[in-house]
């Protein structure tokens, strides 16, 4: 009698969902909510303090699991750079709001002449001289 591979059932299941269930259970049992950012990502830390170890900190993403969607003020807190999350209220007028990395999406930066933008750019104006080895 042929038996399926021991972990063949895992191909059928969504492994990301299994990981989320584990994180969700850990969060309910041991987590304490710290806050939420403008993207809806929720931040947690461990309720209990274990002597000789830092308190664990983690994020549950609102949408796709994308590390670049964590704003700098929360990134600093997650990586123990600061003890408390930084306030977004102290943002200076010249500071732009955080944007996730858009590489590989339809919203990524495409300069003039990019293949996806038609592949054409303006003609060079003559202000460029190519280097040649004899000069």
Protein backbone atom coordinates (compact mmCIF):
# COMPACT_ATOMS: atom_id res chain seq x y z
CA UNK A 1 0.00 0.00 0.00
CA UNK A 2 1.44 3.37 -1.02
CA UNK A 3 1.43 6.08 1.60
CA UNK A 4 1.59 9.77 0.73
CA UNK A 5 4.71 11.69 1.68
CA UNK A 6 4.59 12.69 5.37
CA UNK A 7 4.07 16.37 4.60
CA UNK A 8 2.10 16.10 1.35
CA UNK A 9 -0.95 17.59 3.05
CA UNK A 10 1.00 20.84 3.54
CA UNK A 11 1.01 21.46 -0.21
CA UNK A 12 -2.75 21.76 -0.13
CA UNK A 13 -2.86 24.09 2.87
CA UNK A 14 -1.82 27.71 2.74
CA UNK A 15 1.34 27.80 4.88
CA UNK A 16 1.08 31.55 5.37
CA UNK A 17 -2.36 31.08 6.92
CA UNK A 18 -0.99 28.43 9.29
CA UNK A 19 1.71 30.87 10.39
CA UNK A 20 -0.90 33.57 10.91
CA UNK A 21 -3.00 31.27 13.07
CA UNK A 22 0.04 30.59 15.28
CA UNK A 23 0.88 34.28 15.55
CA UNK A 24 -2.75 35.14 16.26
CA UNK A 25 -2.94 32.55 19.04
CA UNK A 26 0.38 33.71 20.54
CA UNK A 27 -0.86 37.32 20.38
CA UNK A 28 -4.11 36.51 22.18
CA UNK A 29 -2.40 34.53 24.92
CA UNK A 30 0.80 36.50 25.51
CA UNK A 31 0.49 39.81 23.68
CA UNK A 32 -0.37 43.31 24.83
CA UNK A 33 -1.49 45.85 22.21
CA UNK A 34 0.80 48.87 21.97
CA UNK A 35 -0.66 50.75 19.03
CA UNK A 36 -1.61 51.00 15.39
CA UNK A 37 -0.08 52.94 12.51
CA UNK A 38 -1.72 54.85 9.64
CA UNK A 39 -1.73 51.70 7.45
CA UNK A 40 -3.70 49.70 10.03
CA UNK A 41 -0.75 47.54 11.11
CA UNK A 42 -1.09 46.58 14.79
CA UNK A 43 1.91 46.41 17.13
CA UNK A 44 2.26 44.18 20.19
CA UNK A 45 4.68 43.32 22.93
CA UNK A 46 4.85 40.41 25.33
CA UNK A 47 2.83 40.83 28.54
CA UNK A 48 5.27 39.09 30.84
CA UNK A 49 8.88 40.05 31.37
CA UNK A 50 11.42 37.22 31.37
CA UNK A 51 14.58 37.95 33.33
CA UNK A 52 17.66 38.13 31.13
CA UNK A 53 15.70 38.54 27.89
CA UNK A 54 14.22 41.51 26.10
CA UNK A 55 10.44 41.72 25.84
CA UNK A 56 9.36 40.44 22.43
CA UNK A 57 7.81 42.92 20.01
CA UNK A 58 5.97 42.15 16.80
CA UNK A 59 3.59 43.48 14.17
CA UNK A 60 0.45 42.04 12.63
CA UNK A 61 0.06 43.52 9.16
CA UNK A 62 -3.27 44.91 8.01
CA UNK A 63 -2.86 43.67 4.44
CA UNK A 64 -0.08 41.90 2.65
CA UNK A 65 2.90 40.91 4.76
CA UNK A 66 5.28 43.62 3.58
CA UNK A 67 8.07 44.86 5.84
CA UNK A 68 8.37 48.18 4.03
CA UNK A 69 4.84 49.10 5.15
CA UNK A 70 6.17 49.69 8.69
CA UNK A 71 6.72 53.46 9.19
CA UNK A 72 10.07 54.63 10.63
CA UNK A 73 8.63 55.54 14.02
CA UNK A 74 7.36 51.97 14.51
CA UNK A 75 10.45 50.41 12.92
CA UNK A 76 12.58 52.10 15.59
CA UNK A 77 10.35 50.65 18.32
CA UNK A 78 10.28 47.14 16.82
CA UNK A 79 14.09 47.06 16.68
CA UNK A 80 14.56 48.34 20.26
CA UNK A 81 16.07 51.66 19.12
CA UNK A 82 13.55 53.50 21.30
CA UNK A 83 11.64 52.34 24.39
CA UNK A 84 8.29 53.80 23.34
CA UNK A 85 6.82 54.31 19.87
CA UNK A 86 7.65 57.72 18.44
CA UNK A 87 4.81 60.17 17.97
CA UNK A 88 3.69 60.98 14.45
CA UNK A 89 2.40 64.32 15.76
CA UNK A 90 5.92 65.79 15.95
CA UNK A 91 6.36 65.48 12.19
CA UNK A 92 7.93 68.56 10.65
CA UNK A 93 6.32 70.26 7.63
CA UNK A 94 9.13 69.15 5.29
CA UNK A 95 8.83 65.48 6.28
CA UNK A 96 6.76 63.46 3.86
CA UNK A 97 4.44 60.66 5.03
CA UNK A 98 5.84 57.13 4.83
CA UNK A 99 5.14 55.12 1.68
CA UNK A 100 5.77 51.39 1.34
CA UNK A 101 8.20 50.15 -1.29
CA UNK A 102 6.36 50.11 -4.61
CA UNK A 103 8.99 48.27 -6.65
CA UNK A 104 7.42 45.67 -8.91
CA UNK A 105 3.97 47.26 -8.80
CA UNK A 106 2.13 49.48 -11.26
CA UNK A 107 2.95 52.43 -8.97
CA UNK A 108 6.73 52.01 -9.13
CA UNK A 109 8.91 54.86 -10.39
CA UNK A 110 9.47 54.78 -14.12
CA UNK A 111 11.63 57.58 -15.54
CA UNK A 112 11.17 59.00 -19.01
CA UNK A 113 12.47 56.49 -21.53
CA UNK A 114 11.55 53.44 -19.47
CA UNK A 115 10.29 50.50 -21.53
CA UNK A 116 6.94 50.50 -19.72
CA UNK A 117 6.51 54.19 -20.51
CA UNK A 118 6.90 53.71 -24.26
CA UNK A 119 10.68 53.38 -24.32
CA UNK A 120 11.26 56.81 -25.80
CA UNK A 121 13.08 59.76 -24.33
CA UNK A 122 14.06 63.19 -25.54
CA UNK A 123 17.08 63.50 -27.74
CA UNK A 124 20.34 64.39 -26.06
CA UNK A 125 21.00 68.13 -26.18
CA UNK A 126 24.71 67.90 -26.93
CA UNK A 127 25.89 68.71 -23.41
CA UNK A 128 27.42 65.24 -23.11
CA UNK A 129 30.80 64.23 -24.51
CA UNK A 130 31.56 60.55 -24.60
CA UNK A 131 34.96 59.52 -23.21
CA UNK A 132 37.37 57.87 -25.57
CA UNK A 133 40.59 56.16 -24.43
CA UNK A 134 42.91 58.22 -26.64
CA UNK A 135 42.07 61.55 -25.00
